Amino acid sequence: MLRSLVGSEMCIRDRSKDCIQKGKEWILAHSHAADAITADLRTRCSHPMASFDTRLNIVYLVSDVLFNCIKSHDGPNKDKMSTALARDLVYILRESYQQQPADDQSK
């Protein structure tokens, strides 16, 4: 299943609005596996070879998913996803910020 998210690996590499939206839709459609999805995103952010763009795209994707979960509180799966993301959000943001040169941190 996570390979499907990695199948949307392009969405993690491409910051276009369309790709972020498709990634968000995939995550919300598979929110029953929220813990595995957020763990994968966290691992991707903490990977030593992850580029700044990859980390930034993950932050955009997480932001979009969380916004959608808050905006339309439909059912237990969205609750599960928002809870899982809230738990891992600090780690994702920290890895995305601290691993970068000062020039990129302002982005």
N, C-alpha and C. Protein backbone atom coordinates (compact mmCIF):
# COMPACT_ATOMS: atom_id res chain seq x y z
N MET A 1 0.82 -1.19 0.00
CA MET A 1 0.00 0.00 0.00
C MET A 1 0.86 1.25 0.00
N LEU A 2 1.92 1.27 0.83
CA LEU A 2 2.76 2.45 0.85
C LEU A 2 3.49 2.63 -0.46
N ARG A 3 3.67 1.55 -1.19
CA ARG A 3 4.26 1.69 -2.51
C ARG A 3 3.36 2.54 -3.40
N SER A 4 2.05 2.51 -3.15
CA SER A 4 1.15 3.38 -3.90
C SER A 4 1.42 4.84 -3.56
N LEU A 5 1.71 5.10 -2.30
CA LEU A 5 2.08 6.45 -1.92
C LEU A 5 3.40 6.81 -2.58
N VAL A 6 4.30 5.83 -2.59
CA VAL A 6 5.56 6.05 -3.27
C VAL A 6 5.28 6.13 -4.76
N GLY A 7 4.23 5.43 -5.21
CA GLY A 7 3.80 5.58 -6.59
C GLY A 7 3.42 7.02 -6.83
N SER A 8 2.93 7.66 -5.79
CA SER A 8 2.70 9.09 -5.91
C SER A 8 3.94 9.81 -5.41
N GLU A 9 5.07 9.10 -5.51
CA GLU A 9 6.38 9.66 -5.19
C GLU A 9 6.60 10.94 -5.98
N MET A 10 6.06 10.95 -7.18
CA MET A 10 6.17 12.15 -8.00
C MET A 10 5.52 13.33 -7.27
N CYS A 11 4.45 13.05 -6.52
CA CYS A 11 3.79 14.12 -5.77
C CYS A 11 4.67 14.62 -4.65
N ILE A 12 5.55 13.78 -4.18
CA ILE A 12 6.46 14.22 -3.14
C ILE A 12 7.60 15.02 -3.77
N ARG A 13 7.91 14.74 -5.00
CA ARG A 13 8.98 15.47 -5.68
C ARG A 13 8.47 16.72 -6.40
N ASP A 14 7.23 16.70 -6.83
CA ASP A 14 6.67 17.80 -7.61
C ASP A 14 5.73 18.61 -6.72
N ARG A 15 5.97 19.89 -6.64
CA ARG A 15 5.20 20.74 -5.73
C ARG A 15 3.98 21.35 -6.39
N SER A 16 3.59 20.86 -7.54
CA SER A 16 2.43 21.45 -8.22
C SER A 16 1.16 21.21 -7.40
N LYS A 17 0.24 22.11 -7.56
CA LYS A 17 -1.02 22.04 -6.83
C LYS A 17 -1.75 20.73 -7.13
N ASP A 18 -1.69 20.31 -8.38
CA ASP A 18 -2.37 19.08 -8.79
C ASP A 18 -1.76 17.86 -8.10
N CYS A 19 -0.45 17.81 -8.03
CA CYS A 19 0.21 16.66 -7.38
C CYS A 19 -0.06 16.62 -5.89
N ILE A 20 -0.02 17.78 -5.25
CA ILE A 20 -0.31 17.82 -3.81
C ILE A 20 -1.75 17.37 -3.57
N GLN A 21 -2.67 17.80 -4.43
CA GLN A 21 -4.07 17.42 -4.28
C GLN A 21 -4.24 15.91 -4.46
N LYS A 22 -3.58 15.34 -5.46
CA LYS A 22 -3.68 13.89 -5.68
C LYS A 22 -3.10 13.11 -4.51
N GLY A 23 -1.97 13.59 -3.97
CA GLY A 23 -1.39 12.95 -2.80
C GLY A 23 -2.32 13.02 -1.60
N LYS A 24 -2.94 14.18 -1.40
CA LYS A 24 -3.90 14.36 -0.30
C LYS A 24 -5.07 13.40 -0.47
N GLU A 25 -5.61 13.30 -1.67
CA GLU A 25 -6.74 12.42 -1.92
C GLU A 25 -6.37 10.96 -1.64
N TRP A 26 -5.15 10.58 -2.05
CA TRP A 26 -4.71 9.21 -1.80
C TRP A 26 -4.61 8.95 -0.31
N ILE A 27 -3.99 9.87 0.42
CA ILE A 27 -3.82 9.71 1.86
C ILE A 27 -5.18 9.62 2.55
N LEU A 28 -6.10 10.50 2.18
CA LEU A 28 -7.42 10.48 2.82
C LEU A 28 -8.20 9.21 2.46
N ALA A 29 -8.02 8.71 1.25
CA ALA A 29 -8.69 7.47 0.85
C ALA A 29 -8.13 6.26 1.61
N HIS A 30 -6.90 6.37 2.08
CA HIS A 30 -6.27 5.27 2.81
C HIS A 30 -6.03 5.65 4.27
N SER A 31 -6.87 6.51 4.79
CA SER A 31 -6.66 7.00 6.16
C SER A 31 -6.83 5.91 7.22
N HIS A 32 -7.38 4.77 6.84
CA HIS A 32 -7.46 3.65 7.79
C HIS A 32 -6.06 3.16 8.16
N ALA A 33 -5.06 3.49 7.35
CA ALA A 33 -3.66 3.12 7.61
C ALA A 33 -2.86 4.36 8.00
N ALA A 34 -3.46 5.22 8.78
CA ALA A 34 -2.86 6.52 9.12
C ALA A 34 -1.48 6.38 9.76
N ASP A 35 -1.34 5.44 10.68
CA ASP A 35 -0.05 5.30 11.36
C ASP A 35 1.07 4.93 10.40
N ALA A 36 0.79 4.03 9.48
CA ALA A 36 1.81 3.62 8.50
C ALA A 36 2.15 4.76 7.55
N ILE A 37 1.15 5.51 7.14
CA ILE A 37 1.37 6.63 6.22
C ILE A 37 2.22 7.71 6.88
N THR A 38 1.85 8.09 8.10
CA THR A 38 2.61 9.16 8.76
C THR A 38 4.02 8.70 9.11
N ALA A 39 4.16 7.42 9.46
CA ALA A 39 5.51 6.89 9.73
C ALA A 39 6.36 6.96 8.47
N ASP A 40 5.77 6.64 7.33
CA ASP A 40 6.50 6.71 6.07
C ASP A 40 6.91 8.15 5.74
N LEU A 41 6.01 9.08 5.93
CA LEU A 41 6.33 10.48 5.66
C LEU A 41 7.43 10.98 6.61
N ARG A 42 7.34 10.56 7.85
CA ARG A 42 8.36 10.95 8.83
C ARG A 42 9.73 10.37 8.44
N THR A 43 9.75 9.12 8.02
CA THR A 43 10.99 8.48 7.59
C THR A 43 11.58 9.18 6.39
N ARG A 44 10.73 9.57 5.45
CA ARG A 44 11.20 10.28 4.26
C ARG A 44 11.84 11.62 4.62
N CYS A 45 11.26 12.30 5.59
CA CYS A 45 11.82 13.60 6.00
C CYS A 45 13.15 13.43 6.72
N SER A 46 13.29 12.36 7.47
CA SER A 46 14.51 12.19 8.25
C SER A 46 15.62 11.48 7.48
N HIS A 47 15.32 11.02 6.29
CA HIS A 47 16.33 10.33 5.49
C HIS A 47 17.47 11.30 5.16
N PRO A 48 18.72 10.90 5.38
CA PRO A 48 19.84 11.81 5.16
C PRO A 48 19.99 12.28 3.71
N MET A 49 19.48 11.51 2.77
CA MET A 49 19.61 11.90 1.36
C MET A 49 18.40 12.67 0.84
N ALA A 50 17.41 12.91 1.69
CA ALA A 50 16.22 13.65 1.26
C ALA A 50 16.60 15.09 0.95
N SER A 51 16.16 15.57 -0.18
CA SER A 51 16.48 16.95 -0.57
C SER A 51 15.55 17.92 0.15
N PHE A 52 15.94 19.17 0.12
CA PHE A 52 15.09 20.20 0.71
C PHE A 52 13.73 20.23 0.03
N ASP A 53 13.70 20.11 -1.29
CA ASP A 53 12.43 20.13 -2.02
C ASP A 53 11.53 18.98 -1.61
N THR A 54 12.10 17.80 -1.42
CA THR A 54 11.30 16.66 -0.98
C THR A 54 10.69 16.93 0.38
N ARG A 55 11.50 17.44 1.29
CA ARG A 55 10.99 17.74 2.63
C ARG A 55 9.92 18.83 2.59
N LEU A 56 10.15 19.85 1.79
CA LEU A 56 9.18 20.93 1.69
C LEU A 56 7.86 20.43 1.09
N ASN A 57 7.94 19.57 0.10
CA ASN A 57 6.73 19.01 -0.51
C ASN A 57 5.95 18.17 0.50
N ILE A 58 6.65 17.44 1.35
CA ILE A 58 5.97 16.66 2.38
C ILE A 58 5.27 17.59 3.36
N VAL A 59 5.90 18.70 3.70
CA VAL A 59 5.27 19.67 4.60
C VAL A 59 4.01 20.23 3.95
N TYR A 60 4.08 20.58 2.67
CA TYR A 60 2.88 21.06 1.96
C TYR A 60 1.78 20.01 1.94
N LEU A 61 2.16 18.77 1.69
CA LEU A 61 1.20 17.67 1.63
C LEU A 61 0.54 17.46 2.99
N VAL A 62 1.33 17.43 4.04
CA VAL A 62 0.80 17.25 5.39
C VAL A 62 -0.13 18.41 5.76
N SER A 63 0.26 19.61 5.40
CA SER A 63 -0.57 20.78 5.67
C SER A 63 -1.93 20.67 4.99
N ASP A 64 -1.91 20.24 3.74
CA ASP A 64 -3.15 20.10 2.98
C ASP A 64 -4.05 19.02 3.59
N VAL A 65 -3.46 17.91 3.98
CA VAL A 65 -4.23 16.82 4.58
C VAL A 65 -4.83 17.27 5.91
N LEU A 66 -4.02 17.91 6.75
CA LEU A 66 -4.53 18.38 8.05
C LEU A 66 -5.64 19.41 7.88
N PHE A 67 -5.46 20.33 6.94
CA PHE A 67 -6.48 21.34 6.69
C PHE A 67 -7.79 20.67 6.29
N ASN A 68 -7.70 19.66 5.41
CA ASN A 68 -8.89 18.95 4.97
C ASN A 68 -9.55 18.20 6.12
N CYS A 69 -8.75 17.58 6.98
CA CYS A 69 -9.30 16.85 8.13
C CYS A 69 -10.02 17.79 9.08
N ILE A 70 -9.48 18.97 9.27
CA ILE A 70 -10.11 19.95 10.17
C ILE A 70 -11.36 20.54 9.53
N LYS A 71 -11.27 20.83 8.24
CA LYS A 71 -12.38 21.47 7.53
C LYS A 71 -13.61 20.57 7.45
N SER A 72 -13.41 19.33 7.10
CA SER A 72 -14.55 18.41 6.97
C SER A 72 -14.32 17.22 7.88
N HIS A 73 -14.86 17.28 9.03
CA HIS A 73 -14.66 16.27 10.07
C HIS A 73 -15.61 15.10 9.83
N ASP A 74 -15.32 14.30 8.79
CA ASP A 74 -16.21 13.21 8.39
C ASP A 74 -15.70 11.85 8.85
N GLY A 75 -16.05 11.46 10.01
CA GLY A 75 -15.82 10.08 10.40
C GLY A 75 -14.53 9.81 11.13
N PRO A 76 -14.44 8.57 11.59
CA PRO A 76 -13.32 8.16 12.44
C PRO A 76 -11.99 8.07 11.69
N ASN A 77 -12.01 7.79 10.38
CA ASN A 77 -10.75 7.68 9.66
C ASN A 77 -10.04 9.02 9.56
N LYS A 78 -10.80 10.09 9.36
CA LYS A 78 -10.17 11.42 9.32
C LYS A 78 -9.67 11.79 10.71
N ASP A 79 -10.40 11.39 11.75
CA ASP A 79 -9.91 11.61 13.11
C ASP A 79 -8.60 10.87 13.33
N LYS A 80 -8.56 9.63 12.85
CA LYS A 80 -7.36 8.82 13.00
C LYS A 80 -6.19 9.45 12.25
N MET A 81 -6.46 9.96 11.04
CA MET A 81 -5.40 10.58 10.25
C MET A 81 -4.90 11.85 10.91
N SER A 82 -5.82 12.70 11.36
CA SER A 82 -5.38 13.95 11.98
C SER A 82 -4.63 13.68 13.29
N THR A 83 -5.03 12.66 14.03
CA THR A 83 -4.33 12.30 15.26
C THR A 83 -2.92 11.79 14.94
N ALA A 84 -2.80 10.94 13.93
CA ALA A 84 -1.49 10.41 13.54
C ALA A 84 -0.58 11.52 13.04
N LEU A 85 -1.12 12.41 12.22
CA LEU A 85 -0.31 13.52 11.71
C LEU A 85 0.08 14.48 12.83
N ALA A 86 -0.84 14.74 13.73
CA ALA A 86 -0.53 15.63 14.85
C ALA A 86 0.62 15.05 15.68
N ARG A 87 0.62 13.74 15.85
CA ARG A 87 1.68 13.08 16.62
C ARG A 87 3.04 13.22 15.94
N ASP A 88 3.07 13.08 14.61
CA ASP A 88 4.33 13.10 13.87
C ASP A 88 4.68 14.46 13.28
N LEU A 89 3.80 15.42 13.38
CA LEU A 89 4.02 16.73 12.75
C LEU A 89 5.28 17.41 13.27
N VAL A 90 5.51 17.37 14.56
CA VAL A 90 6.69 18.01 15.14
C VAL A 90 7.96 17.43 14.54
N TYR A 91 8.02 16.12 14.40
CA TYR A 91 9.21 15.47 13.85
C TYR A 91 9.39 15.82 12.37
N ILE A 92 8.30 15.83 11.62
CA ILE A 92 8.37 16.17 10.20
C ILE A 92 8.86 17.60 10.02
N LEU A 93 8.28 18.53 10.78
CA LEU A 93 8.69 19.94 10.66
C LEU A 93 10.13 20.13 11.12
N ARG A 94 10.50 19.49 12.22
CA ARG A 94 11.87 19.64 12.73
C ARG A 94 12.89 19.13 11.73
N GLU A 95 12.65 17.94 11.19
CA GLU A 95 13.58 17.39 10.20
C GLU A 95 13.65 18.25 8.95
N SER A 96 12.51 18.77 8.55
CA SER A 96 12.46 19.60 7.34
C SER A 96 13.22 20.90 7.53
N TYR A 97 13.19 21.43 8.73
CA TYR A 97 13.82 22.73 8.99
C TYR A 97 15.29 22.60 9.37
N GLN A 98 15.59 21.73 10.32
CA GLN A 98 16.94 21.67 10.86
C GLN A 98 17.97 21.07 9.93
N GLN A 99 17.55 20.28 8.99
CA GLN A 99 18.50 19.61 8.09
C GLN A 99 18.96 20.51 6.95
N GLN A 100 18.48 21.75 6.90
CA GLN A 100 18.72 22.59 5.74
C GLN A 100 19.66 23.75 6.04
N PRO A 101 20.32 24.24 4.98
CA PRO A 101 21.15 25.44 5.14
C PRO A 101 20.26 26.65 5.45
N ALA A 102 20.85 27.67 6.00
CA ALA A 102 20.11 28.86 6.41
C ALA A 102 19.33 29.50 5.25
N ASP A 103 19.87 29.44 4.04
CA ASP A 103 19.18 30.02 2.88
C ASP A 103 17.84 29.36 2.64
N ASP A 104 17.80 28.04 2.78
CA ASP A 104 16.55 27.30 2.54
C ASP A 104 15.57 27.40 3.69
N GLN A 105 16.06 27.63 4.91
CA GLN A 105 15.17 27.66 6.06
C GLN A 105 14.15 28.78 5.99
N SER A 106 14.45 29.83 5.26
CA SER A 106 13.52 30.95 5.16
C SER A 106 12.38 30.68 4.20
N LYS A 107 12.48 29.60 3.42
CA LYS A 107 11.43 29.26 2.46
C LYS A 107 10.26 28.68 3.20
